[in-house]
Amino acid sequence: MARPRSFDRDHVLHAAERQFRTSGYNGTSVDDISAATGLGRGSLYAAFDGKHGVLLQAMASYFARLGQFAPKALAGPDESALERLHQYLLRAVHGVPLAADVPPAPDRAAAACFAAKMALEIGASDAEVERLANDCFSVVATAVAECVRAAQRNGDIDPDADPDDLAYLLLTVIRGIDVVGAVGHSPARLTSIAESAFALLPRPHHH
């Protein structure tokens, strides 16, 4: 047996993610993944057990990337926590970046959160996809909640507000910006949504 040539697993998963984000799960064939990744059908089946296996591993790889990116973007000193939340919201205007080793997203729709996109398309009928998508949401929500707590310690957000509730509110706004952006609303409109959401954060009551 000829030994299959080795391949860069992360790069293959990043390329597959880009393809799924561009054309959806049902709109992507094994041949599309093969073309995007440079791996033949046989290698894809051997390494990932077909299209569904590629999807699950690509989502797991995306989760790992979010798990590094979100805490890094939101961690830091308490005194700048509010501004970090502000910047995080504004960054949502451009969507979730693809991995650095694949070409940029072809349009704003392809820059939407991979987990959200797959959850909406197939999550209702696919428990594994649903679980992975929930993991992706909670890793972001946890990082946002930590940043909210830091802003509360610094006296910038109402100490009585529930950090987890606020984190899910902001996460919902961020993912909503993805959806509105995907159907072609202007960056100016998306920025104004992000700024409005930031302005909604409850400030301390000074008596």
N, C-alpha and C. Protein backbone atom coordinates (compact mmCIF):
# COMPACT_ATOMS: atom_id res chain seq x y z
N MET A 1 0.84 -1.20 0.00
CA MET A 1 0.00 0.00 0.00
C MET A 1 0.87 1.25 0.00
N ALA A 2 0.56 2.15 -0.89
CA ALA A 2 1.29 3.43 -0.89
C ALA A 2 0.82 4.24 0.33
N ARG A 3 1.79 4.80 1.03
CA ARG A 3 1.42 5.60 2.19
C ARG A 3 0.79 6.91 1.70
N PRO A 4 -0.38 7.29 2.22
CA PRO A 4 -0.97 8.55 1.73
C PRO A 4 -0.08 9.73 2.10
N ARG A 5 -0.02 10.71 1.21
CA ARG A 5 0.82 11.87 1.52
C ARG A 5 0.23 12.59 2.73
N SER A 6 1.13 13.09 3.53
CA SER A 6 0.64 13.76 4.74
C SER A 6 0.03 15.10 4.34
N PHE A 7 -0.87 15.59 5.15
CA PHE A 7 -1.47 16.89 4.86
C PHE A 7 -1.58 17.67 6.16
N ASP A 8 -1.72 18.97 6.01
CA ASP A 8 -1.86 19.84 7.18
C ASP A 8 -3.33 19.83 7.58
N ARG A 9 -3.62 19.09 8.65
CA ARG A 9 -5.00 18.89 9.07
C ARG A 9 -5.73 20.20 9.35
N ASP A 10 -5.06 21.13 10.07
CA ASP A 10 -5.70 22.42 10.38
C ASP A 10 -6.06 23.17 9.10
N HIS A 11 -5.13 23.18 8.15
CA HIS A 11 -5.39 23.91 6.91
C HIS A 11 -6.59 23.30 6.17
N VAL A 12 -6.65 21.97 6.14
CA VAL A 12 -7.78 21.29 5.48
C VAL A 12 -9.10 21.69 6.16
N LEU A 13 -9.10 21.69 7.50
CA LEU A 13 -10.33 22.04 8.23
C LEU A 13 -10.70 23.50 8.03
N HIS A 14 -9.70 24.39 7.98
CA HIS A 14 -9.97 25.81 7.75
C HIS A 14 -10.55 26.03 6.35
N ALA A 15 -10.00 25.31 5.36
CA ALA A 15 -10.49 25.44 3.98
C ALA A 15 -11.92 24.88 3.87
N ALA A 16 -12.17 23.77 4.56
CA ALA A 16 -13.52 23.19 4.56
C ALA A 16 -14.50 24.15 5.23
N GLU A 17 -14.08 24.75 6.36
CA GLU A 17 -14.93 25.73 7.06
C GLU A 17 -15.30 26.88 6.13
N ARG A 18 -14.32 27.38 5.40
CA ARG A 18 -14.57 28.48 4.48
C ARG A 18 -15.61 28.07 3.43
N GLN A 19 -15.48 26.84 2.93
CA GLN A 19 -16.43 26.34 1.93
C GLN A 19 -17.84 26.23 2.52
N PHE A 20 -17.95 25.66 3.72
CA PHE A 20 -19.27 25.54 4.37
C PHE A 20 -19.86 26.91 4.67
N ARG A 21 -19.02 27.85 5.08
CA ARG A 21 -19.52 29.19 5.39
C ARG A 21 -19.98 29.89 4.13
N THR A 22 -19.35 29.56 2.98
CA THR A 22 -19.72 30.21 1.72
C THR A 22 -20.98 29.60 1.12
N SER A 23 -21.05 28.26 1.08
CA SER A 23 -22.19 27.65 0.37
C SER A 23 -23.12 26.84 1.25
N GLY A 24 -22.90 26.85 2.57
CA GLY A 24 -23.78 26.10 3.45
C GLY A 24 -23.40 24.62 3.46
N TYR A 25 -23.99 23.88 4.40
CA TYR A 25 -23.68 22.45 4.49
C TYR A 25 -24.31 21.68 3.33
N ASN A 26 -25.59 21.90 3.12
CA ASN A 26 -26.30 21.17 2.07
C ASN A 26 -25.85 21.59 0.68
N GLY A 27 -25.35 22.83 0.56
CA GLY A 27 -24.89 23.33 -0.73
C GLY A 27 -23.45 22.94 -1.04
N THR A 28 -22.81 22.22 -0.14
CA THR A 28 -21.41 21.82 -0.33
C THR A 28 -21.35 20.32 -0.58
N SER A 29 -20.71 19.92 -1.66
CA SER A 29 -20.54 18.50 -1.95
C SER A 29 -19.15 18.05 -1.51
N VAL A 30 -18.95 16.74 -1.45
CA VAL A 30 -17.62 16.22 -1.13
C VAL A 30 -16.62 16.70 -2.18
N ASP A 31 -17.05 16.80 -3.43
CA ASP A 31 -16.16 17.30 -4.49
C ASP A 31 -15.78 18.76 -4.24
N ASP A 32 -16.74 19.57 -3.73
CA ASP A 32 -16.43 20.96 -3.39
C ASP A 32 -15.36 21.01 -2.30
N ILE A 33 -15.50 20.16 -1.28
CA ILE A 33 -14.53 20.13 -0.19
C ILE A 33 -13.17 19.67 -0.73
N SER A 34 -13.21 18.69 -1.62
CA SER A 34 -12.00 18.18 -2.24
C SER A 34 -11.28 19.31 -2.99
N ALA A 35 -12.06 20.08 -3.77
CA ALA A 35 -11.47 21.20 -4.53
C ALA A 35 -10.93 22.27 -3.59
N ALA A 36 -11.66 22.56 -2.52
CA ALA A 36 -11.25 23.62 -1.59
C ALA A 36 -10.01 23.22 -0.79
N THR A 37 -9.89 21.94 -0.48
CA THR A 37 -8.82 21.51 0.41
C THR A 37 -7.63 20.88 -0.31
N GLY A 38 -7.86 20.48 -1.57
CA GLY A 38 -6.80 19.80 -2.30
C GLY A 38 -6.65 18.33 -1.93
N LEU A 39 -7.57 17.81 -1.12
CA LEU A 39 -7.54 16.38 -0.76
C LEU A 39 -8.53 15.62 -1.63
N GLY A 40 -8.13 14.47 -2.14
CA GLY A 40 -9.04 13.65 -2.94
C GLY A 40 -10.17 13.08 -2.09
N ARG A 41 -11.23 12.66 -2.77
CA ARG A 41 -12.38 12.07 -2.07
C ARG A 41 -11.97 10.93 -1.14
N GLY A 42 -11.12 10.04 -1.66
CA GLY A 42 -10.68 8.88 -0.87
C GLY A 42 -9.99 9.31 0.42
N SER A 43 -9.12 10.30 0.30
CA SER A 43 -8.40 10.80 1.49
C SER A 43 -9.37 11.45 2.47
N LEU A 44 -10.35 12.19 1.94
CA LEU A 44 -11.34 12.84 2.82
C LEU A 44 -12.14 11.79 3.59
N TYR A 45 -12.55 10.73 2.89
CA TYR A 45 -13.31 9.68 3.59
C TYR A 45 -12.42 8.95 4.60
N ALA A 46 -11.17 8.69 4.20
CA ALA A 46 -10.26 7.96 5.11
C ALA A 46 -9.95 8.79 6.35
N ALA A 47 -9.72 10.09 6.15
CA ALA A 47 -9.28 10.93 7.27
C ALA A 47 -10.45 11.44 8.12
N PHE A 48 -11.60 11.68 7.48
CA PHE A 48 -12.69 12.35 8.19
C PHE A 48 -14.02 11.61 8.14
N ASP A 49 -14.06 10.47 7.45
CA ASP A 49 -15.29 9.72 7.36
C ASP A 49 -16.40 10.49 6.64
N GLY A 50 -16.03 11.20 5.59
CA GLY A 50 -17.05 11.85 4.75
C GLY A 50 -17.38 13.27 5.16
N LYS A 51 -18.38 13.83 4.49
CA LYS A 51 -18.73 15.25 4.64
C LYS A 51 -19.11 15.61 6.07
N HIS A 52 -19.92 14.76 6.71
CA HIS A 52 -20.37 15.07 8.07
C HIS A 52 -19.20 15.07 9.04
N GLY A 53 -18.29 14.14 8.86
CA GLY A 53 -17.09 14.10 9.70
C GLY A 53 -16.23 15.34 9.52
N VAL A 54 -16.11 15.79 8.27
CA VAL A 54 -15.35 17.03 8.01
C VAL A 54 -16.02 18.19 8.75
N LEU A 55 -17.36 18.26 8.65
CA LEU A 55 -18.08 19.35 9.31
C LEU A 55 -17.82 19.36 10.82
N LEU A 56 -17.98 18.21 11.46
CA LEU A 56 -17.82 18.16 12.92
C LEU A 56 -16.40 18.56 13.33
N GLN A 57 -15.41 18.08 12.58
CA GLN A 57 -14.04 18.44 12.95
C GLN A 57 -13.73 19.90 12.63
N ALA A 58 -14.32 20.41 11.54
CA ALA A 58 -14.13 21.83 11.23
C ALA A 58 -14.78 22.70 12.30
N MET A 59 -15.95 22.29 12.81
CA MET A 59 -16.59 23.05 13.89
C MET A 59 -15.78 22.98 15.17
N ALA A 60 -15.20 21.82 15.45
CA ALA A 60 -14.35 21.67 16.65
C ALA A 60 -13.12 22.57 16.54
N SER A 61 -12.57 22.66 15.33
CA SER A 61 -11.40 23.51 15.08
C SER A 61 -11.78 24.99 15.23
N TYR A 62 -12.98 25.35 14.75
CA TYR A 62 -13.50 26.72 14.90
C TYR A 62 -13.69 27.04 16.38
N PHE A 63 -14.24 26.10 17.13
CA PHE A 63 -14.44 26.26 18.57
C PHE A 63 -13.10 26.55 19.27
N ALA A 64 -12.07 25.80 18.89
CA ALA A 64 -10.74 26.01 19.49
C ALA A 64 -10.23 27.41 19.18
N ARG A 65 -10.50 27.89 17.94
CA ARG A 65 -10.06 29.24 17.56
C ARG A 65 -10.82 30.30 18.34
N LEU A 66 -12.14 30.14 18.47
CA LEU A 66 -12.94 31.08 19.26
C LEU A 66 -12.46 31.10 20.71
N GLY A 67 -12.13 29.91 21.21
CA GLY A 67 -11.71 29.77 22.61
C GLY A 67 -10.40 30.49 22.90
N GLN A 68 -9.60 30.70 21.86
CA GLN A 68 -8.38 31.50 22.04
C GLN A 68 -8.68 32.98 21.79
N PHE A 69 -9.47 33.24 20.74
CA PHE A 69 -9.67 34.62 20.29
C PHE A 69 -10.51 35.44 21.26
N ALA A 70 -11.66 34.89 21.69
CA ALA A 70 -12.58 35.69 22.52
C ALA A 70 -11.94 36.10 23.85
N PRO A 71 -11.35 35.16 24.60
CA PRO A 71 -10.72 35.59 25.86
C PRO A 71 -9.58 36.58 25.63
N LYS A 72 -8.80 36.38 24.56
CA LYS A 72 -7.68 37.29 24.30
C LYS A 72 -8.18 38.70 24.01
N ALA A 73 -9.29 38.79 23.26
CA ALA A 73 -9.84 40.11 22.90
C ALA A 73 -10.48 40.79 24.10
N LEU A 74 -10.93 40.01 25.07
CA LEU A 74 -11.73 40.58 26.16
C LEU A 74 -11.01 40.62 27.51
N ALA A 75 -9.88 39.93 27.63
CA ALA A 75 -9.17 39.92 28.92
C ALA A 75 -8.29 41.16 29.05
N GLY A 76 -8.04 41.56 30.30
CA GLY A 76 -7.17 42.71 30.53
C GLY A 76 -7.54 43.40 31.83
N PRO A 77 -6.96 44.58 32.06
CA PRO A 77 -7.22 45.28 33.32
C PRO A 77 -8.67 45.77 33.44
N ASP A 78 -9.15 45.81 34.68
CA ASP A 78 -10.54 46.23 34.92
C ASP A 78 -10.85 47.61 34.35
N GLU A 79 -9.86 48.53 34.42
CA GLU A 79 -10.19 49.91 34.03
C GLU A 79 -10.46 50.06 32.53
N SER A 80 -10.00 49.12 31.72
CA SER A 80 -10.30 49.24 30.28
C SER A 80 -11.33 48.21 29.82
N ALA A 81 -11.99 47.53 30.78
CA ALA A 81 -12.94 46.46 30.42
C ALA A 81 -14.11 46.99 29.58
N LEU A 82 -14.65 48.15 29.97
CA LEU A 82 -15.80 48.70 29.23
C LEU A 82 -15.42 48.98 27.78
N GLU A 83 -14.22 49.54 27.59
CA GLU A 83 -13.77 49.83 26.22
C GLU A 83 -13.51 48.54 25.43
N ARG A 84 -13.06 47.48 26.11
CA ARG A 84 -12.89 46.20 25.41
C ARG A 84 -14.23 45.64 24.93
N LEU A 85 -15.27 45.78 25.76
CA LEU A 85 -16.62 45.36 25.33
C LEU A 85 -17.06 46.17 24.11
N HIS A 86 -16.77 47.47 24.15
CA HIS A 86 -17.12 48.37 23.06
C HIS A 86 -16.43 47.91 21.77
N GLN A 87 -15.14 47.67 21.83
CA GLN A 87 -14.38 47.25 20.64
C GLN A 87 -14.85 45.89 20.14
N TYR A 88 -15.20 45.00 21.07
CA TYR A 88 -15.65 43.67 20.68
C TYR A 88 -16.96 43.76 19.89
N LEU A 89 -17.86 44.62 20.35
CA LEU A 89 -19.12 44.85 19.63
C LEU A 89 -18.85 45.43 18.24
N LEU A 90 -17.95 46.40 18.18
CA LEU A 90 -17.66 47.04 16.89
C LEU A 90 -17.02 46.06 15.92
N ARG A 91 -16.21 45.14 16.45
CA ARG A 91 -15.55 44.17 15.59
C ARG A 91 -16.58 43.25 14.91
N ALA A 92 -17.73 43.08 15.55
CA ALA A 92 -18.78 42.21 15.00
C ALA A 92 -19.28 42.72 13.64
N VAL A 93 -19.09 44.01 13.38
CA VAL A 93 -19.54 44.59 12.11
C VAL A 93 -18.91 43.85 10.92
N HIS A 94 -17.68 43.37 11.11
CA HIS A 94 -16.96 42.71 10.01
C HIS A 94 -17.12 41.20 10.03
N GLY A 95 -17.88 40.69 10.99
CA GLY A 95 -18.11 39.26 11.05
C GLY A 95 -16.97 38.54 11.75
N VAL A 96 -17.03 37.21 11.70
CA VAL A 96 -16.00 36.39 12.35
C VAL A 96 -14.95 36.08 11.31
N PRO A 97 -13.70 36.47 11.55
CA PRO A 97 -12.70 36.25 10.51
C PRO A 97 -12.45 34.76 10.28
N LEU A 98 -12.10 34.44 9.05
CA LEU A 98 -11.65 33.09 8.73
C LEU A 98 -10.23 32.93 9.26
N ALA A 99 -9.74 31.70 9.30
CA ALA A 99 -8.37 31.46 9.72
C ALA A 99 -7.42 32.15 8.75
N ALA A 100 -6.24 32.50 9.24
CA ALA A 100 -5.29 33.29 8.46
C ALA A 100 -4.73 32.54 7.25
N ASP A 101 -4.85 31.20 7.27
CA ASP A 101 -4.21 30.42 6.19
C ASP A 101 -5.14 30.12 5.01
N VAL A 102 -6.31 30.78 4.97
CA VAL A 102 -7.21 30.62 3.82
C VAL A 102 -7.58 32.02 3.31
N PRO A 103 -8.00 32.13 2.03
CA PRO A 103 -8.35 33.47 1.52
C PRO A 103 -9.52 34.08 2.30
N PRO A 104 -9.62 35.40 2.30
CA PRO A 104 -10.71 36.05 3.05
C PRO A 104 -12.08 35.62 2.53
N ALA A 105 -13.11 35.84 3.34
CA ALA A 105 -14.47 35.47 2.95
C ALA A 105 -14.86 36.22 1.68
N PRO A 106 -15.55 35.54 0.74
CA PRO A 106 -15.94 36.19 -0.51
C PRO A 106 -16.99 37.30 -0.32
N ASP A 107 -17.79 37.22 0.72
CA ASP A 107 -18.79 38.27 0.98
C ASP A 107 -19.15 38.25 2.46
N ARG A 108 -19.94 39.24 2.89
CA ARG A 108 -20.26 39.37 4.31
C ARG A 108 -21.02 38.15 4.83
N ALA A 109 -21.83 37.53 3.98
CA ALA A 109 -22.59 36.35 4.42
C ALA A 109 -21.65 35.22 4.83
N ALA A 110 -20.52 35.09 4.12
CA ALA A 110 -19.56 34.03 4.43
C ALA A 110 -18.73 34.36 5.67
N ALA A 111 -18.85 35.60 6.14
CA ALA A 111 -18.13 36.00 7.36
C ALA A 111 -18.99 35.81 8.61
N ALA A 112 -20.22 35.32 8.42
CA ALA A 112 -21.09 35.07 9.58
C ALA A 112 -20.50 33.94 10.42
N CYS A 113 -20.83 33.94 11.69
CA CYS A 113 -20.34 32.90 12.61
C CYS A 113 -20.64 31.50 12.05
N PHE A 114 -19.61 30.69 11.93
CA PHE A 114 -19.73 29.34 11.39
C PHE A 114 -20.68 28.50 12.24
N ALA A 115 -20.56 28.60 13.56
CA ALA A 115 -21.41 27.81 14.46
C ALA A 115 -22.88 28.21 14.30
N ALA A 116 -23.13 29.53 14.25
CA ALA A 116 -24.51 30.00 14.11
C ALA A 116 -25.09 29.56 12.78
N LYS A 117 -24.28 29.66 11.73
CA LYS A 117 -24.74 29.30 10.40
C LYS A 117 -25.13 27.83 10.33
N MET A 118 -24.28 26.96 10.88
CA MET A 118 -24.57 25.53 10.86
C MET A 118 -25.73 25.17 11.81
N ALA A 119 -25.81 25.86 12.95
CA ALA A 119 -26.90 25.61 13.89
C ALA A 119 -28.25 25.91 13.22
N LEU A 120 -28.30 27.02 12.49
CA LEU A 120 -29.55 27.39 11.82
C LEU A 120 -29.87 26.44 10.68
N GLU A 121 -28.84 26.03 9.94
CA GLU A 121 -29.10 25.19 8.77
C GLU A 121 -29.47 23.76 9.15
N ILE A 122 -28.70 23.15 10.06
CA ILE A 122 -28.92 21.73 10.33
C ILE A 122 -28.98 21.36 11.81
N GLY A 123 -28.80 22.34 12.70
CA GLY A 123 -28.73 22.04 14.13
C GLY A 123 -29.97 21.37 14.69
N ALA A 124 -31.14 21.72 14.16
CA ALA A 124 -32.38 21.17 14.70
C ALA A 124 -32.47 19.66 14.48
N SER A 125 -31.80 19.17 13.43
CA SER A 125 -31.89 17.74 13.14
C SER A 125 -30.56 17.02 13.40
N ASP A 126 -29.59 17.73 13.98
CA ASP A 126 -28.26 17.15 14.16
C ASP A 126 -27.74 17.51 15.55
N ALA A 127 -27.88 16.55 16.47
CA ALA A 127 -27.55 16.83 17.87
C ALA A 127 -26.07 17.20 18.06
N GLU A 128 -25.18 16.60 17.27
CA GLU A 128 -23.76 16.91 17.43
C GLU A 128 -23.45 18.33 16.99
N VAL A 129 -24.06 18.75 15.89
CA VAL A 129 -23.87 20.12 15.42
C VAL A 129 -24.44 21.11 16.44
N GLU A 130 -25.61 20.77 16.97
CA GLU A 130 -26.24 21.63 17.97
C GLU A 130 -25.34 21.78 19.20
N ARG A 131 -24.76 20.66 19.65
CA ARG A 131 -23.89 20.70 20.83
C ARG A 131 -22.63 21.53 20.57
N LEU A 132 -22.02 21.32 19.39
CA LEU A 132 -20.82 22.09 19.05
C LEU A 132 -21.13 23.58 18.94
N ALA A 133 -22.29 23.91 18.36
CA ALA A 133 -22.67 25.31 18.23
C ALA A 133 -22.87 25.93 19.61
N ASN A 134 -23.53 25.19 20.50
CA ASN A 134 -23.71 25.69 21.87
C ASN A 134 -22.38 25.91 22.57
N ASP A 135 -21.44 25.00 22.36
CA ASP A 135 -20.09 25.17 22.93
C ASP A 135 -19.47 26.48 22.43
N CYS A 136 -19.63 26.74 21.13
CA CYS A 136 -19.07 27.96 20.54
C CYS A 136 -19.71 29.21 21.14
N PHE A 137 -21.03 29.17 21.34
CA PHE A 137 -21.70 30.32 21.94
C PHE A 137 -21.25 30.51 23.39
N SER A 138 -21.16 29.39 24.14
CA SER A 138 -20.85 29.57 25.55
C SER A 138 -19.42 30.01 25.79
N VAL A 139 -18.48 29.62 24.90
CA VAL A 139 -17.09 30.06 25.12
C VAL A 139 -17.00 31.58 24.92
N VAL A 140 -17.78 32.11 23.98
CA VAL A 140 -17.81 33.57 23.78
C VAL A 140 -18.55 34.24 24.94
N ALA A 141 -19.71 33.70 25.31
CA ALA A 141 -20.50 34.30 26.39
C ALA A 141 -19.71 34.34 27.70
N THR A 142 -18.95 33.29 27.97
CA THR A 142 -18.15 33.24 29.20
C THR A 142 -17.10 34.35 29.21
N ALA A 143 -16.44 34.54 28.07
CA ALA A 143 -15.42 35.59 27.97
C ALA A 143 -16.05 36.98 28.10
N VAL A 144 -17.23 37.16 27.49
CA VAL A 144 -17.92 38.45 27.60
C VAL A 144 -18.36 38.69 29.04
N ALA A 145 -18.89 37.65 29.71
CA ALA A 145 -19.34 37.80 31.10
C ALA A 145 -18.18 38.18 32.02
N GLU A 146 -17.01 37.58 31.79
CA GLU A 146 -15.82 37.93 32.59
C GLU A 146 -15.48 39.41 32.41
N CYS A 147 -15.59 39.88 31.17
CA CYS A 147 -15.28 41.28 30.88
C CYS A 147 -16.32 42.20 31.52
N VAL A 148 -17.59 41.77 31.52
CA VAL A 148 -18.64 42.54 32.20
C VAL A 148 -18.33 42.64 33.69
N ARG A 149 -17.92 41.51 34.29
CA ARG A 149 -17.57 41.53 35.73
C ARG A 149 -16.42 42.50 36.01
N ALA A 150 -15.45 42.52 35.11
CA ALA A 150 -14.32 43.44 35.27
C ALA A 150 -14.80 44.89 35.22
N ALA A 151 -15.72 45.17 34.29
CA ALA A 151 -16.27 46.54 34.17
C ALA A 151 -17.10 46.88 35.42
N GLN A 152 -17.79 45.88 35.98
CA GLN A 152 -18.54 46.12 37.22
C GLN A 152 -17.58 46.44 38.37
N ARG A 153 -16.49 45.69 38.46
CA ARG A 153 -15.51 45.95 39.54
C ARG A 153 -14.94 47.35 39.42
N ASN A 154 -14.83 47.84 38.19
CA ASN A 154 -14.27 49.17 37.97
C ASN A 154 -15.33 50.26 38.10
N GLY A 155 -16.58 49.88 38.37
CA GLY A 155 -17.64 50.88 38.55
C GLY A 155 -18.22 51.41 37.26
N ASP A 156 -18.02 50.69 36.14
CA ASP A 156 -18.51 51.18 34.84
C ASP A 156 -19.84 50.57 34.42
N ILE A 157 -20.19 49.43 35.01
CA ILE A 157 -21.48 48.79 34.73
C ILE A 157 -22.18 48.56 36.06
N ASP A 158 -23.50 48.75 36.08
CA ASP A 158 -24.32 48.58 37.27
C ASP A 158 -23.96 47.26 37.98
N PRO A 159 -23.54 47.35 39.26
CA PRO A 159 -23.13 46.14 39.98
C PRO A 159 -24.28 45.15 40.19
N ASP A 160 -25.53 45.60 40.09
CA ASP A 160 -26.68 44.72 40.30
C ASP A 160 -27.06 43.94 39.04
N ALA A 161 -26.48 44.32 37.89
CA ALA A 161 -26.83 43.63 36.63
C ALA A 161 -26.22 42.23 36.64
N ASP A 162 -26.90 41.28 36.02
CA ASP A 162 -26.41 39.91 35.95
C ASP A 162 -25.43 39.78 34.77
N PRO A 163 -24.16 39.48 35.06
CA PRO A 163 -23.15 39.45 33.99
C PRO A 163 -23.47 38.40 32.91
N ASP A 164 -24.04 37.27 33.31
CA ASP A 164 -24.35 36.23 32.32
C ASP A 164 -25.50 36.65 31.42
N ASP A 165 -26.51 37.31 32.01
CA ASP A 165 -27.61 37.82 31.19
C ASP A 165 -27.10 38.86 30.19
N LEU A 166 -26.25 39.77 30.66
CA LEU A 166 -25.71 40.79 29.77
C LEU A 166 -24.84 40.16 28.69
N ALA A 167 -24.09 39.13 29.06
CA ALA A 167 -23.22 38.47 28.08
C ALA A 167 -24.06 37.86 26.96
N TYR A 168 -25.16 37.21 27.32
CA TYR A 168 -26.02 36.61 26.28
C TYR A 168 -26.75 37.68 25.47
N LEU A 169 -27.09 38.79 26.11
CA LEU A 169 -27.67 39.90 25.36
C LEU A 169 -26.68 40.38 24.29
N LEU A 170 -25.42 40.60 24.70
CA LEU A 170 -24.42 41.09 23.75
C LEU A 170 -24.12 40.04 22.68
N LEU A 171 -24.05 38.77 23.08
CA LEU A 171 -23.80 37.70 22.11
C LEU A 171 -24.92 37.66 21.07
N THR A 172 -26.15 37.84 21.53
CA THR A 172 -27.30 37.83 20.62
C THR A 172 -27.24 39.01 19.66
N VAL A 173 -26.83 40.17 20.15
CA VAL A 173 -26.68 41.34 19.28
C VAL A 173 -25.58 41.07 18.24
N ILE A 174 -24.45 40.51 18.70
CA ILE A 174 -23.33 40.23 17.80
C ILE A 174 -23.76 39.25 16.70
N ARG A 175 -24.44 38.17 17.09
CA ARG A 175 -24.88 37.19 16.10
C ARG A 175 -25.99 37.77 15.22
N GLY A 176 -26.81 38.65 15.80
CA GLY A 176 -27.84 39.33 15.00
C GLY A 176 -27.22 40.25 13.96
N ILE A 177 -26.11 40.91 14.32
CA ILE A 177 -25.39 41.75 13.36
C ILE A 177 -24.91 40.89 12.19
N ASP A 178 -24.47 39.66 12.49
CA ASP A 178 -24.08 38.71 11.44
C ASP A 178 -25.22 38.50 10.45
N VAL A 179 -26.42 38.26 10.98
CA VAL A 179 -27.56 37.93 10.12
C VAL A 179 -27.97 39.14 9.30
N VAL A 180 -28.06 40.30 9.94
CA VAL A 180 -28.46 41.51 9.23
C VAL A 180 -27.39 41.88 8.20
N GLY A 181 -26.13 41.71 8.58
CA GLY A 181 -25.02 42.00 7.66
C GLY A 181 -25.01 41.06 6.48
N ALA A 182 -25.37 39.81 6.72
CA ALA A 182 -25.32 38.80 5.66
C ALA A 182 -26.30 39.10 4.53
N VAL A 183 -27.38 39.81 4.85
CA VAL A 183 -28.35 40.13 3.80
C VAL A 183 -28.11 41.52 3.21
N GLY A 184 -26.93 42.06 3.47
CA GLY A 184 -26.50 43.22 2.69
C GLY A 184 -26.67 44.60 3.32
N HIS A 185 -26.97 44.66 4.61
CA HIS A 185 -27.01 46.00 5.22
C HIS A 185 -25.62 46.59 5.29
N SER A 186 -25.56 47.92 5.24
CA SER A 186 -24.26 48.60 5.14
C SER A 186 -23.50 48.52 6.46
N PRO A 187 -22.16 48.59 6.36
CA PRO A 187 -21.35 48.65 7.59
C PRO A 187 -21.77 49.80 8.52
N ALA A 188 -22.24 50.91 7.93
CA ALA A 188 -22.67 52.05 8.76
C ALA A 188 -23.87 51.65 9.62
N ARG A 189 -24.82 50.93 9.02
CA ARG A 189 -25.99 50.45 9.76
C ARG A 189 -25.56 49.48 10.85
N LEU A 190 -24.65 48.56 10.51
CA LEU A 190 -24.19 47.56 11.49
C LEU A 190 -23.44 48.23 12.64
N THR A 191 -22.66 49.26 12.32
CA THR A 191 -21.92 49.99 13.35
C THR A 191 -22.90 50.68 14.29
N SER A 192 -23.96 51.24 13.72
CA SER A 192 -24.93 51.93 14.56
C SER A 192 -25.66 50.94 15.48
N ILE A 193 -25.90 49.70 15.00
CA ILE A 193 -26.48 48.67 15.87
C ILE A 193 -25.52 48.36 17.03
N ALA A 194 -24.24 48.20 16.72
CA ALA A 194 -23.24 47.90 17.74
C ALA A 194 -23.15 49.02 18.77
N GLU A 195 -23.16 50.27 18.29
CA GLU A 195 -23.08 51.43 19.21
C GLU A 195 -24.33 51.51 20.09
N SER A 196 -25.50 51.22 19.51
CA SER A 196 -26.74 51.26 20.29
C SER A 196 -26.72 50.19 21.38
N ALA A 197 -26.22 48.99 21.03
CA ALA A 197 -26.14 47.91 22.00
C ALA A 197 -25.20 48.30 23.14
N PHE A 198 -24.08 48.91 22.78
CA PHE A 198 -23.12 49.34 23.80
C PHE A 198 -23.77 50.37 24.74
N ALA A 199 -24.55 51.29 24.15
CA ALA A 199 -25.21 52.33 24.95
C ALA A 199 -26.27 51.76 25.89
N LEU A 200 -26.77 50.54 25.57
CA LEU A 200 -27.79 49.91 26.42
C LEU A 200 -27.21 49.31 27.70
N LEU A 201 -25.89 49.13 27.75
CA LEU A 201 -25.31 48.52 28.96
C LEU A 201 -25.67 49.38 30.18
N PRO A 202 -26.17 48.73 31.25
CA PRO A 202 -26.64 49.51 32.41
C PRO A 202 -25.48 50.14 33.17
N ARG A 203 -25.52 51.44 33.31
CA ARG A 203 -24.47 52.15 34.06
C ARG A 203 -24.87 52.21 35.54
N PRO A 204 -23.88 52.42 36.40
CA PRO A 204 -24.21 52.52 37.83
C PRO A 204 -25.14 53.70 38.09
N HIS A 205 -26.01 53.52 39.09
CA HIS A 205 -26.87 54.65 39.50
C HIS A 205 -26.13 55.43 40.56
N HIS A 206 -25.89 56.71 40.28
CA HIS A 206 -25.21 57.55 41.30
C HIS A 206 -26.26 58.31 42.08
N HIS A 207 -26.32 58.00 43.37
CA HIS A 207 -27.33 58.68 44.19
C HIS A 207 -26.72 59.93 44.80
